[in-house]
Amino acid sequence: TEFCDMRAAYDDLPEDFKKELQGLRAEHYALNSRFILGDTDYSESQRNAMPPVSWPLVRTHAGSGRKFLFIGAHAGHIEGRPVAEGRMLLAELLEHATQRKLV
């Protein structure tokens, strides 16, 4: 198992890209990562037991005050953007965050 440093990933972004991300929110759904793999055999009650949650793409650590990316396989789309566009942005951010220098 490896971990990427989402603080360093945010710090490494160009300033204009950081500004673009401010205020954007992603819908996170626990089963999204399963759906990506084709594992979709869940009952309606199972799906409803884990409703989607909205989180900002950029959060601030309460202790250090450092900003970090809040993304991952559970993030399915960007609120207020066309689904395809939002997913492309999430994929771009995840690719950036998982560069060898940030893992």
N, C-alpha and C. Protein backbone atom coordinates (compact mmCIF):
# COMPACT_ATOMS: atom_id res chain seq x y z
N THR A 1 0.84 -1.18 0.00
CA THR A 1 0.00 0.00 0.00
C THR A 1 0.88 1.24 0.00
N GLU A 2 0.52 2.18 -0.83
CA GLU A 2 1.23 3.46 -0.88
C GLU A 2 0.23 4.58 -0.64
N PHE A 3 0.74 5.71 -0.20
CA PHE A 3 -0.11 6.86 0.08
C PHE A 3 0.45 8.08 -0.64
N CYS A 4 -0.45 8.89 -1.16
CA CYS A 4 0.02 10.14 -1.78
C CYS A 4 -0.21 11.28 -0.80
N ASP A 5 0.68 12.23 -0.82
CA ASP A 5 0.61 13.39 0.06
C ASP A 5 -0.25 14.45 -0.61
N MET A 6 -1.50 14.53 -0.21
CA MET A 6 -2.43 15.46 -0.84
C MET A 6 -2.11 16.91 -0.53
N ARG A 7 -1.35 17.16 0.53
CA ARG A 7 -0.89 18.53 0.80
C ARG A 7 0.15 18.92 -0.23
N ALA A 8 1.12 18.04 -0.44
CA ALA A 8 2.16 18.30 -1.44
C ALA A 8 1.56 18.36 -2.84
N ALA A 9 0.56 17.53 -3.10
CA ALA A 9 -0.10 17.54 -4.41
C ALA A 9 -0.76 18.90 -4.66
N TYR A 10 -1.42 19.43 -3.63
CA TYR A 10 -2.03 20.76 -3.78
C TYR A 10 -0.94 21.82 -3.96
N ASP A 11 0.08 21.79 -3.12
CA ASP A 11 1.16 22.78 -3.20
C ASP A 11 1.82 22.78 -4.58
N ASP A 12 1.89 21.62 -5.22
CA ASP A 12 2.57 21.45 -6.50
C ASP A 12 1.75 21.95 -7.70
N LEU A 13 0.48 22.27 -7.48
CA LEU A 13 -0.37 22.76 -8.58
C LEU A 13 0.00 24.19 -8.95
N PRO A 14 -0.16 24.57 -10.22
CA PRO A 14 0.04 25.97 -10.62
C PRO A 14 -0.98 26.87 -9.90
N GLU A 15 -0.58 28.08 -9.59
CA GLU A 15 -1.45 29.00 -8.83
C GLU A 15 -2.79 29.23 -9.51
N ASP A 16 -2.80 29.37 -10.85
CA ASP A 16 -4.08 29.62 -11.53
C ASP A 16 -5.00 28.40 -11.42
N PHE A 17 -4.45 27.21 -11.38
CA PHE A 17 -5.25 26.00 -11.23
C PHE A 17 -5.82 25.92 -9.81
N LYS A 18 -5.03 26.32 -8.82
CA LYS A 18 -5.51 26.36 -7.44
C LYS A 18 -6.72 27.28 -7.33
N LYS A 19 -6.66 28.43 -7.99
CA LYS A 19 -7.78 29.38 -7.96
C LYS A 19 -9.03 28.78 -8.60
N GLU A 20 -8.83 28.03 -9.69
CA GLU A 20 -9.95 27.39 -10.37
C GLU A 20 -10.65 26.37 -9.47
N LEU A 21 -9.90 25.73 -8.60
CA LEU A 21 -10.46 24.68 -7.74
C LEU A 21 -11.22 25.22 -6.54
N GLN A 22 -10.90 26.46 -6.14
CA GLN A 22 -11.55 27.04 -4.96
C GLN A 22 -13.06 27.08 -5.15
N GLY A 23 -13.78 26.60 -4.17
CA GLY A 23 -15.24 26.62 -4.19
C GLY A 23 -15.87 25.43 -4.88
N LEU A 24 -15.08 24.62 -5.59
CA LEU A 24 -15.65 23.44 -6.25
C LEU A 24 -15.86 22.33 -5.22
N ARG A 25 -16.94 21.58 -5.46
CA ARG A 25 -17.28 20.48 -4.57
C ARG A 25 -17.48 19.22 -5.40
N ALA A 26 -17.10 18.10 -4.81
CA ALA A 26 -17.29 16.80 -5.47
C ALA A 26 -18.28 15.98 -4.68
N GLU A 27 -19.05 15.19 -5.40
CA GLU A 27 -19.93 14.24 -4.74
C GLU A 27 -19.16 12.95 -4.52
N HIS A 28 -19.06 12.55 -3.27
CA HIS A 28 -18.37 11.31 -2.90
C HIS A 28 -19.43 10.27 -2.55
N TYR A 29 -19.26 9.10 -3.12
CA TYR A 29 -20.20 8.01 -2.90
C TYR A 29 -19.39 6.74 -2.63
N ALA A 30 -19.61 6.12 -1.50
CA ALA A 30 -18.79 4.98 -1.08
C ALA A 30 -18.75 3.87 -2.13
N LEU A 31 -19.83 3.67 -2.86
CA LEU A 31 -19.86 2.59 -3.83
C LEU A 31 -19.27 2.98 -5.19
N ASN A 32 -18.97 4.25 -5.39
CA ASN A 32 -18.44 4.69 -6.68
C ASN A 32 -17.18 3.90 -7.06
N SER A 33 -16.30 3.69 -6.11
CA SER A 33 -15.06 2.95 -6.41
C SER A 33 -15.37 1.51 -6.82
N ARG A 34 -16.44 0.95 -6.30
CA ARG A 34 -16.84 -0.42 -6.67
C ARG A 34 -17.44 -0.42 -8.08
N PHE A 35 -18.25 0.61 -8.37
CA PHE A 35 -18.88 0.69 -9.68
C PHE A 35 -17.84 0.80 -10.79
N ILE A 36 -16.77 1.54 -10.54
CA ILE A 36 -15.70 1.71 -11.52
C ILE A 36 -15.14 0.35 -11.93
N LEU A 37 -15.09 -0.58 -10.98
CA LEU A 37 -14.56 -1.92 -11.24
C LEU A 37 -15.61 -2.88 -11.81
N GLY A 38 -16.85 -2.37 -12.00
CA GLY A 38 -17.91 -3.21 -12.54
C GLY A 38 -18.70 -3.95 -11.49
N ASP A 39 -18.42 -3.71 -10.23
CA ASP A 39 -19.13 -4.35 -9.13
C ASP A 39 -20.37 -3.52 -8.81
N THR A 40 -21.49 -3.84 -9.46
CA THR A 40 -22.70 -3.03 -9.32
C THR A 40 -23.86 -3.79 -8.69
N ASP A 41 -23.61 -4.99 -8.19
CA ASP A 41 -24.68 -5.83 -7.66
C ASP A 41 -25.00 -5.48 -6.20
N TYR A 42 -25.67 -4.35 -6.03
CA TYR A 42 -26.07 -3.90 -4.69
C TYR A 42 -27.56 -3.62 -4.71
N SER A 43 -28.24 -4.02 -3.66
CA SER A 43 -29.68 -3.77 -3.57
C SER A 43 -29.94 -2.29 -3.35
N GLU A 44 -31.16 -1.89 -3.57
CA GLU A 44 -31.53 -0.49 -3.35
C GLU A 44 -31.30 -0.10 -1.89
N SER A 45 -31.62 -1.00 -0.96
CA SER A 45 -31.42 -0.68 0.45
C SER A 45 -29.93 -0.53 0.77
N GLN A 46 -29.07 -1.35 0.16
CA GLN A 46 -27.63 -1.21 0.37
C GLN A 46 -27.14 0.13 -0.19
N ARG A 47 -27.63 0.49 -1.37
CA ARG A 47 -27.23 1.76 -1.98
C ARG A 47 -27.70 2.95 -1.14
N ASN A 48 -28.92 2.85 -0.64
CA ASN A 48 -29.48 3.95 0.15
C ASN A 48 -28.85 4.07 1.53
N ALA A 49 -28.24 3.00 2.02
CA ALA A 49 -27.60 3.03 3.33
C ALA A 49 -26.34 3.89 3.33
N MET A 50 -25.82 4.17 2.15
CA MET A 50 -24.59 4.98 2.01
C MET A 50 -24.84 6.11 1.03
N PRO A 51 -25.61 7.11 1.42
CA PRO A 51 -25.93 8.19 0.47
C PRO A 51 -24.69 9.00 0.09
N PRO A 52 -24.71 9.60 -1.10
CA PRO A 52 -23.59 10.47 -1.51
C PRO A 52 -23.44 11.65 -0.56
N VAL A 53 -22.21 12.14 -0.46
CA VAL A 53 -21.89 13.28 0.40
C VAL A 53 -21.08 14.28 -0.40
N SER A 54 -21.35 15.54 -0.20
CA SER A 54 -20.64 16.61 -0.89
C SER A 54 -19.47 17.11 -0.04
N TRP A 55 -18.28 17.18 -0.67
CA TRP A 55 -17.08 17.69 0.00
C TRP A 55 -16.36 18.66 -0.92
N PRO A 56 -15.74 19.68 -0.36
CA PRO A 56 -14.93 20.58 -1.20
C PRO A 56 -13.73 19.83 -1.78
N LEU A 57 -13.33 20.21 -2.99
CA LEU A 57 -12.14 19.60 -3.61
C LEU A 57 -10.88 19.98 -2.86
N VAL A 58 -10.88 21.18 -2.30
CA VAL A 58 -9.74 21.66 -1.53
C VAL A 58 -10.21 21.93 -0.11
N ARG A 59 -9.56 21.31 0.84
CA ARG A 59 -9.89 21.52 2.25
C ARG A 59 -8.66 22.07 2.95
N THR A 60 -8.87 22.57 4.16
CA THR A 60 -7.78 23.11 4.97
C THR A 60 -7.67 22.30 6.25
N HIS A 61 -6.46 21.83 6.53
CA HIS A 61 -6.21 21.06 7.75
C HIS A 61 -6.38 21.98 8.95
N ALA A 62 -7.22 21.57 9.90
CA ALA A 62 -7.53 22.41 11.05
C ALA A 62 -6.30 22.71 11.91
N GLY A 63 -5.40 21.76 12.04
CA GLY A 63 -4.23 21.96 12.90
C GLY A 63 -3.13 22.78 12.27
N SER A 64 -2.80 22.46 11.02
CA SER A 64 -1.66 23.11 10.37
C SER A 64 -2.05 24.30 9.51
N GLY A 65 -3.31 24.35 9.10
CA GLY A 65 -3.74 25.42 8.20
C GLY A 65 -3.36 25.18 6.74
N ARG A 66 -2.73 24.03 6.47
CA ARG A 66 -2.33 23.71 5.09
C ARG A 66 -3.52 23.22 4.28
N LYS A 67 -3.55 23.64 3.03
CA LYS A 67 -4.59 23.17 2.12
C LYS A 67 -4.17 21.84 1.52
N PHE A 68 -5.18 21.02 1.21
CA PHE A 68 -4.92 19.72 0.60
C PHE A 68 -6.06 19.34 -0.33
N LEU A 69 -5.75 18.49 -1.31
CA LEU A 69 -6.77 17.98 -2.21
C LEU A 69 -7.57 16.90 -1.48
N PHE A 70 -8.88 16.92 -1.67
CA PHE A 70 -9.74 15.91 -1.07
C PHE A 70 -10.44 15.18 -2.21
N ILE A 71 -9.72 14.22 -2.78
CA ILE A 71 -10.20 13.47 -3.93
C ILE A 71 -9.85 12.00 -3.74
N GLY A 72 -10.38 11.17 -4.59
CA GLY A 72 -10.07 9.75 -4.56
C GLY A 72 -11.11 8.99 -5.37
N ALA A 73 -11.07 7.68 -5.27
CA ALA A 73 -11.94 6.83 -6.08
C ALA A 73 -13.41 6.96 -5.71
N HIS A 74 -13.72 7.48 -4.54
CA HIS A 74 -15.13 7.65 -4.16
C HIS A 74 -15.74 8.91 -4.78
N ALA A 75 -14.92 9.84 -5.23
CA ALA A 75 -15.44 11.07 -5.85
C ALA A 75 -15.91 10.74 -7.26
N GLY A 76 -17.19 11.01 -7.53
CA GLY A 76 -17.77 10.64 -8.81
C GLY A 76 -17.92 11.75 -9.81
N HIS A 77 -18.21 12.93 -9.32
CA HIS A 77 -18.35 14.07 -10.23
C HIS A 77 -18.25 15.38 -9.46
N ILE A 78 -18.08 16.46 -10.21
CA ILE A 78 -17.99 17.81 -9.65
C ILE A 78 -19.38 18.44 -9.72
N GLU A 79 -19.86 18.92 -8.61
CA GLU A 79 -21.18 19.53 -8.58
C GLU A 79 -21.21 20.77 -9.47
N GLY A 80 -22.29 20.91 -10.23
CA GLY A 80 -22.47 22.08 -11.07
C GLY A 80 -21.75 22.03 -12.40
N ARG A 81 -21.09 20.94 -12.69
CA ARG A 81 -20.39 20.77 -13.97
C ARG A 81 -20.98 19.56 -14.69
N PRO A 82 -20.90 19.56 -16.02
CA PRO A 82 -21.32 18.34 -16.72
C PRO A 82 -20.53 17.14 -16.19
N VAL A 83 -21.18 16.00 -16.08
CA VAL A 83 -20.56 14.82 -15.47
C VAL A 83 -19.23 14.49 -16.14
N ALA A 84 -19.20 14.45 -17.47
CA ALA A 84 -17.96 14.08 -18.17
C ALA A 84 -16.84 15.07 -17.86
N GLU A 85 -17.15 16.35 -17.86
CA GLU A 85 -16.14 17.38 -17.57
C GLU A 85 -15.61 17.24 -16.15
N GLY A 86 -16.52 17.02 -15.21
CA GLY A 86 -16.11 16.85 -13.81
C GLY A 86 -15.26 15.62 -13.60
N ARG A 87 -15.63 14.54 -14.26
CA ARG A 87 -14.84 13.31 -14.12
C ARG A 87 -13.46 13.47 -14.73
N MET A 88 -13.37 14.22 -15.82
CA MET A 88 -12.05 14.46 -16.42
C MET A 88 -11.18 15.28 -15.48
N LEU A 89 -11.77 16.27 -14.81
CA LEU A 89 -11.02 17.07 -13.85
C LEU A 89 -10.55 16.20 -12.68
N LEU A 90 -11.44 15.37 -12.17
CA LEU A 90 -11.07 14.48 -11.07
C LEU A 90 -9.95 13.53 -11.49
N ALA A 91 -10.04 12.99 -12.70
CA ALA A 91 -8.99 12.09 -13.20
C ALA A 91 -7.66 12.82 -13.33
N GLU A 92 -7.71 14.06 -13.81
CA GLU A 92 -6.49 14.86 -13.95
C GLU A 92 -5.85 15.11 -12.58
N LEU A 93 -6.68 15.45 -11.60
CA LEU A 93 -6.16 15.71 -10.25
C LEU A 93 -5.59 14.43 -9.62
N LEU A 94 -6.27 13.32 -9.81
CA LEU A 94 -5.79 12.06 -9.25
C LEU A 94 -4.48 11.63 -9.91
N GLU A 95 -4.38 11.84 -11.21
CA GLU A 95 -3.13 11.53 -11.91
C GLU A 95 -1.99 12.40 -11.38
N HIS A 96 -2.29 13.68 -11.16
CA HIS A 96 -1.29 14.60 -10.61
C HIS A 96 -0.86 14.14 -9.21
N ALA A 97 -1.84 13.83 -8.37
CA ALA A 97 -1.56 13.49 -6.97
C ALA A 97 -0.81 12.18 -6.80
N THR A 98 -0.90 11.30 -7.78
CA THR A 98 -0.26 9.99 -7.65
C THR A 98 1.06 9.89 -8.42
N GLN A 99 1.61 11.02 -8.80
CA GLN A 99 2.94 11.02 -9.40
C GLN A 99 3.93 10.44 -8.38
N ARG A 100 4.93 9.77 -8.86
CA ARG A 100 5.91 9.14 -7.98
C ARG A 100 6.48 10.13 -6.96
N LYS A 101 6.73 11.38 -7.36
CA LYS A 101 7.33 12.35 -6.44
C LYS A 101 6.40 12.72 -5.29
N LEU A 102 5.11 12.40 -5.39
CA LEU A 102 4.15 12.75 -4.35
C LEU A 102 3.68 11.54 -3.54
N VAL A 103 4.21 10.37 -3.88
CA VAL A 103 3.79 9.13 -3.20
C VAL A 103 4.88 8.68 -2.26
